[in-house]
Amino acid sequence: MAFSRFGAVISKKVSKSAVKRNKIKRIIFDFIRLQRLYEIAGRDAVVNVLPSVAKLKKEEIEKELTQLLITSL
């Protein structure tokens, strides 16, 4: 495969509001796009979001994603 695939699972336990869940999803996929992680060949990853993420700010979510995705890919 010439590219990587990513997914995000955000349940209603994270937030009852679809707007808040979609905002978290946009933060995750924007991070992946800006870091160009999709260009790494042949990796598949699913980010399963825990309810505690709803309390974090954008910068804190990106810091956690950096530790999770960049170090593991």
Protein backbone atom coordinates (compact mmCIF):
# COMPACT_ATOMS: atom_id res chain seq x y z
CA MET A 1 0.00 0.00 0.00
CA ALA A 2 1.27 3.47 -0.84
CA PHE A 3 -0.48 5.27 2.00
CA SER A 4 -1.77 4.77 5.54
CA ARG A 5 -5.37 4.61 6.73
CA PHE A 6 -6.71 6.15 9.92
CA GLY A 7 -9.98 5.97 11.81
CA ALA A 8 -11.42 7.47 14.96
CA VAL A 9 -14.02 5.94 17.28
CA ILE A 10 -15.82 8.46 19.47
CA SER A 11 -18.80 7.05 21.36
CA LYS A 12 -21.63 8.89 23.07
CA LYS A 13 -19.87 8.22 26.37
CA VAL A 14 -17.35 10.89 25.36
CA SER A 15 -20.08 13.50 24.87
CA LYS A 16 -23.80 13.31 24.21
CA SER A 17 -23.44 16.23 21.81
CA ALA A 18 -22.63 15.28 18.22
CA VAL A 19 -21.11 18.74 17.74
CA LYS A 20 -18.51 18.09 20.46
CA ARG A 21 -17.75 14.58 19.14
CA ASN A 22 -17.28 15.95 15.61
CA LYS A 23 -15.00 18.70 16.92
CA ILE A 24 -12.75 16.08 18.53
CA LYS A 25 -12.79 14.06 15.32
CA ARG A 26 -11.77 17.15 13.30
CA ILE A 27 -8.91 17.82 15.71
CA ILE A 28 -7.65 14.24 15.26
CA PHE A 29 -7.89 14.20 11.46
CA ASP A 30 -6.42 17.70 11.09
CA PHE A 31 -3.46 16.58 13.20
CA ILE A 32 -2.96 13.55 10.95
CA ARG A 33 -3.23 15.71 7.82
CA LEU A 34 -0.88 18.45 9.04
CA GLN A 35 1.74 15.95 10.25
CA ARG A 36 1.39 14.12 6.90
CA LEU A 37 1.09 10.77 8.68
CA TYR A 38 -1.00 9.39 5.82
CA GLU A 39 2.10 9.39 3.59
CA ILE A 40 3.78 6.67 5.66
CA ALA A 41 3.25 3.53 3.61
CA GLY A 42 1.17 0.60 4.75
CA ARG A 43 0.06 1.56 8.28
CA ASP A 44 -3.49 1.25 9.59
CA ALA A 45 -4.49 2.90 12.87
CA VAL A 46 -7.71 3.40 14.80
CA VAL A 47 -7.86 6.02 17.54
CA ASN A 48 -10.33 5.00 20.25
CA VAL A 49 -11.20 8.14 22.20
CA LEU A 50 -11.81 7.89 25.95
CA PRO A 51 -14.38 10.08 27.77
CA SER A 52 -11.64 12.04 29.55
CA VAL A 53 -10.60 13.58 26.21
CA ALA A 54 -13.75 15.74 26.18
CA LYS A 55 -12.22 17.83 28.99
CA LEU A 56 -8.93 18.48 27.17
CA LYS A 57 -8.06 21.49 25.06
CA LYS A 58 -6.95 21.21 21.43
CA GLU A 59 -3.25 21.58 22.30
CA GLU A 60 -3.48 18.83 24.92
CA ILE A 61 -5.21 16.47 22.48
CA GLU A 62 -2.50 17.13 19.88
CA LYS A 63 0.21 16.47 22.49
CA GLU A 64 -1.38 13.10 23.30
CA LEU A 65 -1.67 12.27 19.59
CA THR A 66 1.98 13.11 19.10
CA GLN A 67 2.95 10.64 21.81
CA LEU A 68 0.56 8.02 20.49
CA LEU A 69 0.88 8.19 16.71
CA ILE A 70 4.28 9.63 15.88
CA THR A 71 6.21 7.38 18.26
CA SER A 72 4.31 4.24 17.20
CA LEU A 73 4.43 4.81 13.44
